[in-house]
Amino acid sequence: MSRLAVLLLGLLTPLLVIGAPGAEATGDSERLTTLSRMPKLALVMDDLGQNDARDGRVLALPGPVAMAILPDSRHATPLAERANAAGKTVILHLPMAPADGPYAWQPQLGPTELTNRLDSALAKVPHASGVNNHMGSLMTARAQPMAALMHELQQRHLFFLDSRTHAGTVAAAAAQRIGLASLSRDIFLDDDPSPHAVAAQFRTALKLARKQGSVVIIGHPHPSTLALLERELPRLQAQGIDWVDIGQMIATRGNRAMVAHGSGGIYRSVQDQR
């Protein structure tokens, strides 16, 4: 064999091993197509900012956890800064009646005071991309304040997540009416925080994701919830579930409420617990 032939063979061998040009890109495209067809899950953790150790465990979860931070909690501002630096989605967990306190939206307050409370709460939770309600069974069923809230969020380019703490909530509908980016919660993981109940709710969430194509889960930093998430979240892709951030879930759903909302036997009845 001539020296030229040996040289050419040496140059071609890596190409033969790697494959034809574009093979890697084709593989990436196929993987993306597979992911796009998988049921999707988004996870929000509520009531953060009150306990540094538990907040740290939420922050250490490996994927796109959205962190809903209470504005009147001790660690609200530093936690929001840490979450943003870690690439997590920050949400203002806005108290609503029957919740009280300096930031809570309550029925007796006028529009100016409600707006001032929203501004103050957002100042306490910097980097917030959106808002969801903490408690709120006495507020989310009221059309006028919910319409006002959605208008304020639209002006600030923030999304809204309806935690659905009351069967008569009009919050998500108010958001959809003006085209505000929004979502509604499907599953609370831990109304009953016992390990057995949390595990059962997580299984229900995965079943619902496969049934309707997506699921939005809200959990709280209970020890049982954190232990389950630390164990189960890394296994999601192997179970055929695509864990996505809130922004991608909003795009996936296109502001549409899922058929399963309000279905008896899937959701627990939650009144003033959240």
Protein backbone atom coordinates (compact mmCIF):
# COMPACT_ATOMS: atom_id res chain seq x y z
CA MET A 1 0.00 0.00 0.00
CA SER A 2 1.36 3.40 -0.95
CA ARG A 3 2.14 6.05 1.63
CA LEU A 4 -0.69 8.20 0.17
CA ALA A 5 -3.18 5.35 0.62
CA VAL A 6 -2.05 4.84 4.23
CA LEU A 7 -2.46 8.57 4.90
CA LEU A 8 -5.95 8.68 3.38
CA LEU A 9 -7.01 5.63 5.37
CA GLY A 10 -5.83 7.32 8.55
CA LEU A 11 -7.84 10.42 7.77
CA LEU A 12 -11.00 8.51 6.88
CA THR A 13 -11.02 6.08 9.81
CA PRO A 14 -12.35 8.58 12.39
CA LEU A 15 -15.18 9.54 10.03
CA LEU A 16 -16.09 5.91 9.56
CA VAL A 17 -16.17 5.40 13.33
CA ILE A 18 -18.17 8.56 14.03
CA GLY A 19 -20.56 8.11 11.13
CA ALA A 20 -21.68 10.23 8.25
CA PRO A 21 -21.88 14.01 8.66
CA GLY A 22 -25.11 15.04 10.37
CA ALA A 23 -25.54 11.74 12.22
CA GLU A 24 -25.13 13.40 15.61
CA ALA A 25 -27.57 16.15 14.68
CA THR A 26 -30.06 13.52 13.51
CA GLY A 27 -29.71 11.73 16.84
CA ASP A 28 -30.31 14.97 18.74
CA SER A 29 -33.37 15.69 16.62
CA GLU A 30 -34.78 12.23 17.32
CA ARG A 31 -34.21 12.70 21.06
CA LEU A 32 -35.98 16.06 20.98
CA THR A 33 -38.90 14.54 19.09
CA THR A 34 -39.16 11.79 21.68
CA LEU A 35 -39.16 14.34 24.51
CA SER A 36 -41.84 16.43 22.79
CA ARG A 37 -44.15 13.41 22.73
CA MET A 38 -43.62 12.50 26.39
CA PRO A 39 -46.16 13.52 29.06
CA LYS A 40 -44.96 16.66 30.80
CA LEU A 41 -44.74 17.51 34.49
CA ALA A 42 -44.13 20.88 36.15
CA LEU A 43 -43.38 21.17 39.87
CA VAL A 44 -43.96 24.17 42.14
CA MET A 45 -42.89 24.21 45.78
CA ASP A 46 -44.99 26.56 47.93
CA ASP A 47 -44.57 28.24 51.33
CA LEU A 48 -40.83 28.80 51.00
CA GLY A 49 -38.72 31.30 52.92
CA GLN A 50 -39.66 30.15 56.42
CA ASN A 51 -37.06 27.48 57.15
CA ASP A 52 -33.53 27.77 55.79
CA ALA A 53 -32.71 24.06 56.00
CA ARG A 54 -35.83 22.94 54.15
CA ASP A 55 -35.49 25.75 51.61
CA GLY A 56 -31.95 24.52 50.96
CA ARG A 57 -33.23 21.03 50.20
CA VAL A 58 -35.73 22.46 47.69
CA LEU A 59 -32.96 24.53 46.11
CA ALA A 60 -30.82 21.39 45.80
CA LEU A 61 -33.45 19.44 43.84
CA PRO A 62 -31.87 18.72 40.46
CA GLY A 63 -34.31 20.01 37.86
CA PRO A 64 -36.59 22.94 37.00
CA VAL A 65 -38.31 23.42 40.35
CA ALA A 66 -40.35 26.62 40.60
CA MET A 67 -39.95 28.15 44.05
CA ALA A 68 -42.99 30.03 45.45
CA ILE A 69 -41.75 32.32 48.23
CA LEU A 70 -43.89 33.97 50.90
CA PRO A 71 -43.14 37.72 51.04
CA ASP A 72 -43.59 37.92 54.81
CA SER A 73 -41.24 35.02 55.53
CA ARG A 74 -37.91 35.50 57.30
CA HIS A 75 -35.69 34.40 54.40
CA ALA A 76 -37.80 35.69 51.48
CA THR A 77 -35.33 38.07 49.83
CA PRO A 78 -32.08 36.08 50.25
CA LEU A 79 -33.83 32.89 49.14
CA ALA A 80 -35.15 34.60 46.00
CA GLU A 81 -31.62 35.79 45.23
CA ARG A 82 -30.18 32.30 45.72
CA ALA A 83 -32.93 30.67 43.66
CA ASN A 84 -32.41 33.10 40.79
CA ALA A 85 -28.64 32.55 40.87
CA ALA A 86 -29.28 28.80 40.70
CA GLY A 87 -31.46 29.20 37.61
CA LYS A 88 -34.73 28.34 39.36
CA THR A 89 -38.03 30.03 38.51
CA VAL A 90 -39.00 32.39 41.34
CA ILE A 91 -42.70 32.91 42.10
CA LEU A 92 -44.28 35.36 44.53
CA HIS A 93 -46.55 33.30 46.79
CA LEU A 94 -49.05 36.10 47.40
CA PRO A 95 -51.18 35.73 50.56
CA MET A 96 -54.92 36.09 50.00
CA ALA A 97 -57.80 36.01 52.48
CA PRO A 98 -58.28 34.19 54.75
CA ALA A 99 -54.52 34.73 54.98
CA ASP A 100 -53.62 37.93 56.76
CA GLY A 101 -50.57 40.12 57.21
CA PRO A 102 -49.16 43.21 55.52
CA TYR A 103 -49.14 41.74 52.00
CA ALA A 104 -52.42 39.81 52.02
CA TRP A 105 -55.18 40.62 49.51
CA GLN A 106 -58.40 40.90 51.49
CA PRO A 107 -61.97 41.69 50.40
CA GLN A 108 -62.33 44.92 52.39
CA LEU A 109 -59.30 46.60 50.76
CA GLY A 110 -59.59 49.13 47.97
CA PRO A 111 -57.80 48.93 44.61
CA THR A 112 -54.98 51.30 45.61
CA GLU A 113 -54.14 49.34 48.75
CA LEU A 114 -54.25 46.03 46.87
CA THR A 115 -51.81 47.39 44.27
CA ASN A 116 -49.53 48.76 46.99
CA ARG A 117 -49.48 45.37 48.70
CA LEU A 118 -48.61 43.65 45.43
CA ASP A 119 -45.76 46.09 44.82
CA SER A 120 -44.42 45.63 48.36
CA ALA A 121 -44.61 41.86 48.08
CA LEU A 122 -42.75 41.85 44.76
CA ALA A 123 -40.05 44.02 46.34
CA LYS A 124 -39.59 41.37 49.04
CA VAL A 125 -39.34 38.56 46.45
CA PRO A 126 -36.99 39.87 43.76
CA HIS A 127 -36.65 38.12 40.39
CA ALA A 128 -40.24 36.81 40.51
CA SER A 129 -41.44 35.66 37.10
CA GLY A 130 -44.99 35.12 38.27
CA VAL A 131 -47.47 34.96 41.14
CA ASN A 132 -49.57 32.25 42.74
CA ASN A 133 -52.04 32.50 45.59
CA HIS A 134 -51.31 31.45 49.16
CA MET A 135 -54.65 30.36 50.62
CA GLY A 136 -57.20 32.65 48.96
CA SER A 137 -60.52 30.84 49.18
CA LEU A 138 -62.16 34.16 50.12
CA MET A 139 -60.53 36.08 47.27
CA THR A 140 -60.04 33.87 44.22
CA ALA A 141 -63.81 33.44 43.79
CA ARG A 142 -64.29 37.25 43.51
CA ALA A 143 -64.37 38.45 39.93
CA GLN A 144 -63.44 42.10 40.40
CA PRO A 145 -60.24 41.74 42.48
CA MET A 146 -59.07 38.83 40.32
CA ALA A 147 -59.57 40.88 37.16
CA ALA A 148 -57.63 43.72 38.78
CA LEU A 149 -54.81 41.37 39.77
CA MET A 150 -54.47 39.97 36.27
CA HIS A 151 -54.33 43.48 34.83
CA GLU A 152 -51.56 44.38 37.29
CA LEU A 153 -49.60 41.25 36.41
CA GLN A 154 -49.97 41.92 32.70
CA GLN A 155 -48.52 45.40 33.19
CA ARG A 156 -45.52 43.82 34.95
CA HIS A 157 -45.10 40.96 32.42
CA LEU A 158 -45.67 38.30 35.08
CA PHE A 159 -47.58 35.01 34.76
CA PHE A 160 -50.24 33.70 37.15
CA LEU A 161 -50.59 30.22 38.59
CA ASP A 162 -54.00 29.47 40.13
CA SER A 163 -53.36 27.23 43.14
CA ARG A 164 -57.07 26.29 43.02
CA THR A 165 -57.78 26.38 46.74
CA HIS A 166 -61.50 26.85 46.13
CA ALA A 167 -63.86 25.07 43.74
CA GLY A 168 -65.37 28.41 42.72
CA THR A 169 -62.12 30.10 41.73
CA VAL A 170 -62.34 32.56 38.85
CA ALA A 171 -58.65 33.49 38.92
CA ALA A 172 -57.49 31.40 35.96
CA ALA A 173 -60.52 32.45 33.91
CA ALA A 174 -59.72 36.11 34.62
CA ALA A 175 -56.17 35.56 33.40
CA GLN A 176 -57.30 33.75 30.26
CA ARG A 177 -59.83 36.49 29.48
CA ILE A 178 -57.07 39.05 28.92
CA GLY A 179 -54.53 36.63 27.45
CA LEU A 180 -52.24 36.64 30.48
CA ALA A 181 -49.79 33.73 30.60
CA SER A 182 -51.29 31.42 33.20
CA LEU A 183 -51.63 27.91 34.55
CA SER A 184 -53.82 26.02 37.01
CA ARG A 185 -52.68 23.50 39.57
CA ASP A 186 -53.72 19.89 39.06
CA ILE A 187 -52.42 18.03 42.11
CA PHE A 188 -51.50 18.99 45.67
CA LEU A 189 -48.94 16.43 46.79
CA ASP A 190 -49.31 16.79 50.51
CA ASP A 191 -52.68 17.89 51.88
CA ASP A 192 -52.02 14.80 53.97
CA PRO A 193 -48.24 14.95 54.60
CA SER A 194 -47.86 11.33 55.69
CA PRO A 195 -45.30 9.47 53.55
CA HIS A 196 -47.88 6.97 52.30
CA ALA A 197 -50.32 9.70 51.23
CA VAL A 198 -47.63 11.79 49.52
CA ALA A 199 -46.45 8.75 47.56
CA ALA A 200 -50.03 7.99 46.52
CA GLN A 201 -50.55 11.56 45.30
CA PHE A 202 -47.32 11.43 43.31
CA ARG A 203 -48.49 8.24 41.60
CA THR A 204 -51.82 9.95 40.85
CA ALA A 205 -49.93 12.88 39.33
CA LEU A 206 -47.96 10.62 36.98
CA LYS A 207 -51.13 8.79 35.99
CA LEU A 208 -52.84 12.11 35.23
CA ALA A 209 -49.86 13.31 33.18
CA ARG A 210 -50.13 10.21 31.00
CA LYS A 211 -53.91 10.61 30.69
CA GLN A 212 -54.08 14.29 29.69
CA GLY A 213 -50.52 14.91 28.47
CA SER A 214 -49.36 17.19 31.27
CA VAL A 215 -49.66 17.79 35.01
CA VAL A 216 -48.92 20.75 37.28
CA ILE A 217 -48.01 19.71 40.82
CA ILE A 218 -47.75 21.84 43.95
CA GLY A 219 -45.89 20.56 46.98
CA HIS A 220 -44.75 22.01 50.30
CA PRO A 221 -41.46 21.59 52.14
CA HIS A 222 -42.63 18.85 54.49
CA PRO A 223 -39.96 16.25 55.30
CA SER A 224 -42.05 13.52 53.66
CA THR A 225 -42.52 15.54 50.46
CA LEU A 226 -38.83 16.43 50.22
CA ALA A 227 -37.78 12.82 50.78
CA LEU A 228 -40.11 11.61 48.02
CA LEU A 229 -38.99 14.26 45.53
CA GLU A 230 -35.32 13.63 46.21
CA ARG A 231 -35.92 9.94 45.48
CA GLU A 232 -38.39 10.11 42.60
CA LEU A 233 -37.55 13.16 40.49
CA PRO A 234 -34.31 11.68 39.07
CA ARG A 235 -36.38 8.69 37.86
CA LEU A 236 -38.95 10.65 35.86
CA GLN A 237 -37.35 10.39 32.42
CA ALA A 238 -36.86 6.64 32.83
CA GLN A 239 -40.61 6.45 33.53
CA GLY A 240 -41.39 8.34 30.31
CA ILE A 241 -42.14 11.73 31.95
CA ASP A 242 -40.59 14.98 30.70
CA TRP A 243 -39.99 17.34 33.64
CA VAL A 244 -40.29 20.91 32.32
CA ASP A 245 -40.17 24.41 33.73
CA ILE A 246 -43.22 26.61 34.22
CA GLY A 247 -42.59 28.63 31.07
CA GLN A 248 -42.57 25.52 28.90
CA MET A 249 -45.72 24.23 30.59
CA ILE A 250 -47.52 27.52 29.88
CA ALA A 251 -46.49 27.19 26.23
CA THR A 252 -47.57 23.54 26.16
CA ARG A 253 -51.02 24.23 27.56
CA GLY A 254 -51.53 27.53 25.78
CA ASN A 255 -53.52 28.88 28.79
CA ARG A 256 -56.06 26.07 28.37
CA ALA A 257 -57.50 24.46 31.50
CA MET A 258 -57.20 20.68 31.43
CA VAL A 259 -60.29 18.50 31.15
CA ALA A 260 -59.60 16.82 34.48
CA HIS A 261 -59.99 20.03 36.50
CA GLY A 262 -62.80 19.65 39.00
CA SER A 263 -63.08 15.92 38.47
CA GLY A 264 -64.23 14.19 41.64
CA GLY A 265 -61.94 11.45 42.87
CA ILE A 266 -58.79 13.01 41.39
CA TYR A 267 -58.45 16.18 43.43
CA ARG A 268 -58.76 16.60 47.13
CA SER A 269 -61.16 19.24 48.41
CA VAL A 270 -59.08 22.17 49.64
CA GLN A 271 -60.73 25.15 51.26
CA ASP A 272 -58.68 27.33 53.58
CA GLN A 273 -55.69 25.02 53.95
CA ARG A 274 -53.43 26.82 51.45
